[in-house]
Structures are given as structure tokens and as C-alpha cells.
Amino acid sequence: MGSETFLEILLAILLPPLGVFLRYGIGVEFWICLLLTILGYIPGIIYAVYVLVA
């Protein structure tokens, strides 16, 4: 795990859609993360970290 991934995960915890955006841009992953974050902050964090680690 490089410093780039560490920074993405840190941003995914603070602002989940931003962390996903940095890796995938405006794509399906971003919109799913944004929707989950709007519906509940914790599901957005879980999804963002899962997408970035997997």
C-alpha cells in the first residue's frame, strides 16, 4: 500500500465521494458513493474504503 492509497483512504473517511473521485473520476462508483453518503455518512465511508482497497 503506497502513500497514494493511504491518502485516498484518508480522504474516503473524511469525504467519501472525494476519495472515490480521485481514483475513478465521475463514474458509477462515484455516484453510488455519493448516494450512500447522502443517505448515511457511515455507509458512504464503508463503500468508499471497500472500493479503494478491493
PDB file of N, CA and C in Angstrom:
ATOM      1  N   MET A   1       0.854  -1.165   0.000  1.00  0.00           N
ATOM      2  CA  MET A   1       0.000   0.000   0.000  1.00  0.00           C
ATOM      3  C   MET A   1       0.906   1.236   0.000  1.00  0.00           C
ATOM      4  N   GLY A   2       0.770   2.060  -1.028  1.00  0.00           N
ATOM      5  CA  GLY A   2       1.613   3.237  -1.140  1.00  0.00           C
ATOM      6  C   GLY A   2       1.008   4.448  -0.456  1.00  0.00           C
ATOM      7  N   SER A   3       1.742   5.531  -0.485  1.00  0.00           N
ATOM      8  CA  SER A   3       1.255   6.757   0.137  1.00  0.00           C
ATOM      9  C   SER A   3       0.045   7.307  -0.614  1.00  0.00           C
ATOM     10  N   GLU A   4      -0.031   7.011  -1.910  1.00  0.00           N
ATOM     11  CA  GLU A   4      -1.178   7.439  -2.715  1.00  0.00           C
ATOM     12  C   GLU A   4      -2.459   6.774  -2.213  1.00  0.00           C
ATOM     13  N   THR A   5      -2.400   5.473  -1.966  1.00  0.00           N
ATOM     14  CA  THR A   5      -3.564   4.746  -1.463  1.00  0.00           C
ATOM     15  C   THR A   5      -3.922   5.215  -0.060  1.00  0.00           C
ATOM     16  N   PHE A   6      -2.912   5.473   0.762  1.00  0.00           N
ATOM     17  CA  PHE A   6      -3.168   5.966   2.120  1.00  0.00           C
ATOM     18  C   PHE A   6      -3.920   7.286   2.081  1.00  0.00           C
ATOM     19  N   LEU A   7      -3.502   8.182   1.199  1.00  0.00           N
ATOM     20  CA  LEU A   7      -4.168   9.478   1.072  1.00  0.00           C
ATOM     21  C   LEU A   7      -5.606   9.301   0.578  1.00  0.00           C
ATOM     22  N   GLU A   8      -5.823   8.408  -0.372  1.00  0.00           N
ATOM     23  CA  GLU A   8      -7.177   8.161  -0.875  1.00  0.00           C
ATOM     24  C   GLU A   8      -8.072   7.609   0.230  1.00  0.00           C
ATOM     25  N   ILE A   9      -7.561   6.705   1.047  1.00  0.00           N
ATOM     26  CA  ILE A   9      -8.360   6.134   2.131  1.00  0.00           C
ATOM     27  C   ILE A   9      -8.649   7.193   3.191  1.00  0.00           C
ATOM     28  N   LEU A  10      -7.665   8.027   3.491  1.00  0.00           N
ATOM     29  CA  LEU A  10      -7.892   9.117   4.444  1.00  0.00           C
ATOM     30  C   LEU A  10      -8.979  10.065   3.944  1.00  0.00           C
ATOM     31  N   LEU A  11      -8.937  10.423   2.671  1.00  0.00           N
ATOM     32  CA  LEU A  11      -9.982  11.270   2.102  1.00  0.00           C
ATOM     33  C   LEU A  11     -11.326  10.548   2.060  1.00  0.00           C
ATOM     34  N   ALA A  12     -11.292   9.227   1.853  1.00  0.00           N
ATOM     35  CA  ALA A  12     -12.537   8.456   1.829  1.00  0.00           C
ATOM     36  C   ALA A  12     -13.203   8.451   3.196  1.00  0.00           C
ATOM     37  N   ILE A  13     -12.424   8.555   4.251  1.00  0.00           N
ATOM     38  CA  ILE A  13     -13.003   8.606   5.592  1.00  0.00           C
ATOM     39  C   ILE A  13     -13.563  10.001   5.870  1.00  0.00           C
ATOM     40  N   LEU A  14     -12.863  11.029   5.438  1.00  0.00           N
ATOM     41  CA  LEU A  14     -13.322  12.403   5.680  1.00  0.00           C
ATOM     42  C   LEU A  14     -14.451  12.801   4.731  1.00  0.00           C
ATOM     43  N   LEU A  15     -14.249  12.594   3.446  1.00  0.00           N
ATOM     44  CA  LEU A  15     -15.240  12.910   2.406  1.00  0.00           C
ATOM     45  C   LEU A  15     -15.285  11.744   1.421  1.00  0.00           C
ATOM     46  N   PRO A  16     -16.139  10.758   1.675  1.00  0.00           N
ATOM     47  CA  PRO A  16     -16.119   9.528   0.880  1.00  0.00           C
ATOM     48  C   PRO A  16     -16.173   9.727  -0.640  1.00  0.00           C
ATOM     49  N   PRO A  17     -17.056  10.570  -1.185  1.00  0.00           N
ATOM     50  CA  PRO A  17     -17.082  10.701  -2.641  1.00  0.00           C
ATOM     51  C   PRO A  17     -15.786  11.268  -3.222  1.00  0.00           C
ATOM     52  N   LEU A  18     -15.091  12.114  -2.473  1.00  0.00           N
ATOM     53  CA  LEU A  18     -13.845  12.692  -2.963  1.00  0.00           C
ATOM     54  C   LEU A  18     -12.764  11.625  -3.123  1.00  0.00           C
ATOM     55  N   GLY A  19     -12.668  10.730  -2.156  1.00  0.00           N
ATOM     56  CA  GLY A  19     -11.694   9.651  -2.254  1.00  0.00           C
ATOM     57  C   GLY A  19     -11.933   8.758  -3.462  1.00  0.00           C
ATOM     58  N   VAL A  20     -13.189   8.454  -3.719  1.00  0.00           N
ATOM     59  CA  VAL A  20     -13.536   7.618  -4.872  1.00  0.00           C
ATOM     60  C   VAL A  20     -13.320   8.393  -6.167  1.00  0.00           C
ATOM     61  N   PHE A  21     -13.634   9.679  -6.163  1.00  0.00           N
ATOM     62  CA  PHE A  21     -13.456  10.503  -7.358  1.00  0.00           C
ATOM     63  C   PHE A  21     -11.995  10.554  -7.793  1.00  0.00           C
ATOM     64  N   LEU A  22     -11.082  10.653  -6.832  1.00  0.00           N
ATOM     65  CA  LEU A  22      -9.667  10.724  -7.172  1.00  0.00           C
ATOM     66  C   LEU A  22      -9.174   9.469  -7.879  1.00  0.00           C
ATOM     67  N   ARG A  23      -9.767   8.318  -7.564  1.00  0.00           N
ATOM     68  CA  ARG A  23      -9.329   7.068  -8.192  1.00  0.00           C
ATOM     69  C   ARG A  23     -10.088   6.797  -9.492  1.00  0.00           C
ATOM     70  N   TYR A  24     -11.418   6.991  -9.500  1.00  0.00           N
ATOM     71  CA  TYR A  24     -12.247   6.567 -10.632  1.00  0.00           C
ATOM     72  C   TYR A  24     -12.834   7.707 -11.451  1.00  0.00           C
ATOM     73  N   GLY A  25     -12.757   8.935 -10.967  1.00  0.00           N
ATOM     74  CA  GLY A  25     -13.381  10.044 -11.677  1.00  0.00           C
ATOM     75  C   GLY A  25     -14.892   9.978 -11.522  1.00  0.00           C
ATOM     76  N   ILE A  26     -15.596  10.667 -12.426  1.00  0.00           N
ATOM     77  CA  ILE A  26     -17.063  10.653 -12.378  1.00  0.00           C
ATOM     78  C   ILE A  26     -17.520   9.390 -13.101  1.00  0.00           C
ATOM     79  N   GLY A  27     -17.795   8.370 -12.318  1.00  0.00           N
ATOM     80  CA  GLY A  27     -18.227   7.087 -12.873  1.00  0.00           C
ATOM     81  C   GLY A  27     -19.276   6.477 -11.965  1.00  0.00           C
ATOM     82  N   VAL A  28     -19.575   5.233 -12.214  1.00  0.00           N
ATOM     83  CA  VAL A  28     -20.604   4.539 -11.435  1.00  0.00           C
ATOM     84  C   VAL A  28     -20.220   4.477  -9.958  1.00  0.00           C
ATOM     85  N   GLU A  29     -18.945   4.197  -9.687  1.00  0.00           N
ATOM     86  CA  GLU A  29     -18.501   4.104  -8.293  1.00  0.00           C
ATOM     87  C   GLU A  29     -18.721   5.416  -7.548  1.00  0.00           C
ATOM     88  N   PHE A  30     -18.422   6.536  -8.220  1.00  0.00           N
ATOM     89  CA  PHE A  30     -18.604   7.851  -7.601  1.00  0.00           C
ATOM     90  C   PHE A  30     -20.065   8.096  -7.253  1.00  0.00           C
ATOM     91  N   TRP A  31     -20.964   7.822  -8.196  1.00  0.00           N
ATOM     92  CA  TRP A  31     -22.385   8.099  -7.959  1.00  0.00           C
ATOM     93  C   TRP A  31     -22.966   7.209  -6.874  1.00  0.00           C
ATOM     94  N   ILE A  32     -22.546   5.944  -6.835  1.00  0.00           N
ATOM     95  CA  ILE A  32     -23.005   5.052  -5.764  1.00  0.00           C
ATOM     96  C   ILE A  32     -22.525   5.578  -4.417  1.00  0.00           C
ATOM     97  N   CYS A  33     -21.269   5.989  -4.356  1.00  0.00           N
ATOM     98  CA  CYS A  33     -20.710   6.504  -3.107  1.00  0.00           C
ATOM     99  C   CYS A  33     -21.413   7.790  -2.683  1.00  0.00           C
ATOM    100  N   LEU A  34     -21.675   8.671  -3.629  1.00  0.00           N
ATOM    101  CA  LEU A  34     -22.367   9.919  -3.315  1.00  0.00           C
ATOM    102  C   LEU A  34     -23.769   9.635  -2.776  1.00  0.00           C
ATOM    103  N   LEU A  35     -24.488   8.725  -3.397  1.00  0.00           N
ATOM    104  CA  LEU A  35     -25.830   8.370  -2.942  1.00  0.00           C
ATOM    105  C   LEU A  35     -25.798   7.764  -1.541  1.00  0.00           C
ATOM    106  N   LEU A  36     -24.855   6.853  -1.308  1.00  0.00           N
ATOM    107  CA  LEU A  36     -24.753   6.250   0.025  1.00  0.00           C
ATOM    108  C   LEU A  36     -24.354   7.278   1.078  1.00  0.00           C
ATOM    109  N   THR A  37     -23.517   8.222   0.705  1.00  0.00           N
ATOM    110  CA  THR A  37     -23.110   9.264   1.656  1.00  0.00           C
ATOM    111  C   THR A  37     -24.286  10.182   1.984  1.00  0.00           C
ATOM    112  N   ILE A  38     -25.102  10.497   1.001  1.00  0.00           N
ATOM    113  CA  ILE A  38     -26.284  11.328   1.248  1.00  0.00           C
ATOM    114  C   ILE A  38     -27.281  10.598   2.143  1.00  0.00           C
ATOM    115  N   LEU A  39     -27.445   9.299   1.898  1.00  0.00           N
ATOM    116  CA  LEU A  39     -28.395   8.520   2.690  1.00  0.00           C
ATOM    117  C   LEU A  39     -27.882   8.256   4.105  1.00  0.00           C
ATOM    118  N   GLY A  40     -26.595   8.190   4.256  1.00  0.00           N
ATOM    119  CA  GLY A  40     -25.993   7.956   5.570  1.00  0.00           C
ATOM    120  C   GLY A  40     -24.487   8.017   5.439  1.00  0.00           C
ATOM    121  N   TYR A  41     -23.867   8.777   6.283  1.00  0.00           N
ATOM    122  CA  TYR A  41     -22.423   9.015   6.169  1.00  0.00           C
ATOM    123  C   TYR A  41     -21.612   7.720   6.316  1.00  0.00           C
ATOM    124  N   ILE A  42     -21.991   6.874   7.258  1.00  0.00           N
ATOM    125  CA  ILE A  42     -21.244   5.636   7.524  1.00  0.00           C
ATOM    126  C   ILE A  42     -21.292   4.672   6.331  1.00  0.00           C
ATOM    127  N   PRO A  43     -22.454   4.438   5.705  1.00  0.00           N
ATOM    128  CA  PRO A  43     -22.445   3.573   4.512  1.00  0.00           C
ATOM    129  C   PRO A  43     -21.566   4.125   3.388  1.00  0.00           C
ATOM    130  N   GLY A  44     -21.499   5.433   3.261  1.00  0.00           N
ATOM    131  CA  GLY A  44     -20.634   6.039   2.255  1.00  0.00           C
ATOM    132  C   GLY A  44     -19.177   5.766   2.540  1.00  0.00           C
ATOM    133  N   ILE A  45     -18.786   5.846   3.806  1.00  0.00           N
ATOM    134  CA  ILE A  45     -17.403   5.563   4.196  1.00  0.00           C
ATOM    135  C   ILE A  45     -17.072   4.097   3.936  1.00  0.00           C
ATOM    136  N   ILE A  46     -17.950   3.208   4.339  1.00  0.00           N
ATOM    137  CA  ILE A  46     -17.709   1.777   4.162  1.00  0.00           C
ATOM    138  C   ILE A  46     -17.554   1.438   2.684  1.00  0.00           C
ATOM    139  N   TYR A  47     -18.442   1.959   1.847  1.00  0.00           N
ATOM    140  CA  TYR A  47     -18.360   1.686   0.423  1.00  0.00           C
ATOM    141  C   TYR A  47     -17.085   2.268  -0.186  1.00  0.00           C
ATOM    142  N   ALA A  48     -16.735   3.486   0.185  1.00  0.00           N
ATOM    143  CA  ALA A  48     -15.555   4.128  -0.378  1.00  0.00           C
ATOM    144  C   ALA A  48     -14.285   3.356  -0.025  1.00  0.00           C
ATOM    145  N   VAL A  49     -14.146   2.973   1.228  1.00  0.00           N
ATOM    146  CA  VAL A  49     -12.963   2.216   1.643  1.00  0.00           C
ATOM    147  C   VAL A  49     -12.936   0.860   0.945  1.00  0.00           C
ATOM    148  N   TYR A  50     -14.080   0.215   0.830  1.00  0.00           N
ATOM    149  CA  TYR A  50     -14.159  -1.079   0.143  1.00  0.00           C
ATOM    150  C   TYR A  50     -13.721  -0.948  -1.316  1.00  0.00           C
ATOM    151  N   VAL A  51     -14.217   0.060  -2.001  1.00  0.00           N
ATOM    152  CA  VAL A  51     -13.881   0.257  -3.415  1.00  0.00           C
ATOM    153  C   VAL A  51     -12.392   0.571  -3.591  1.00  0.00           C
ATOM    154  N   LEU A  52     -11.832   1.342  -2.693  1.00  0.00           N
ATOM    155  CA  LEU A  52     -10.434   1.729  -2.824  1.00  0.00           C
ATOM    156  C   LEU A  52      -9.474   0.597  -2.464  1.00  0.00           C
ATOM    157  N   VAL A  53      -9.858  -0.257  -1.533  1.00  0.00           N
ATOM    158  CA  VAL A  53      -8.980  -1.349  -1.104  1.00  0.00           C
ATOM    159  C   VAL A  53      -9.101  -2.557  -2.025  1.00  0.00           C
ATOM    160  N   ALA A  54     -10.287  -2.833  -2.491  1.00  0.00           N
ATOM    161  CA  ALA A  54     -10.515  -4.030  -3.336  1.00  0.00           C
ATOM    162  C   ALA A  54      -9.975  -3.879  -4.730  1.00  0.00           C
TER     163      ALA A  54
END
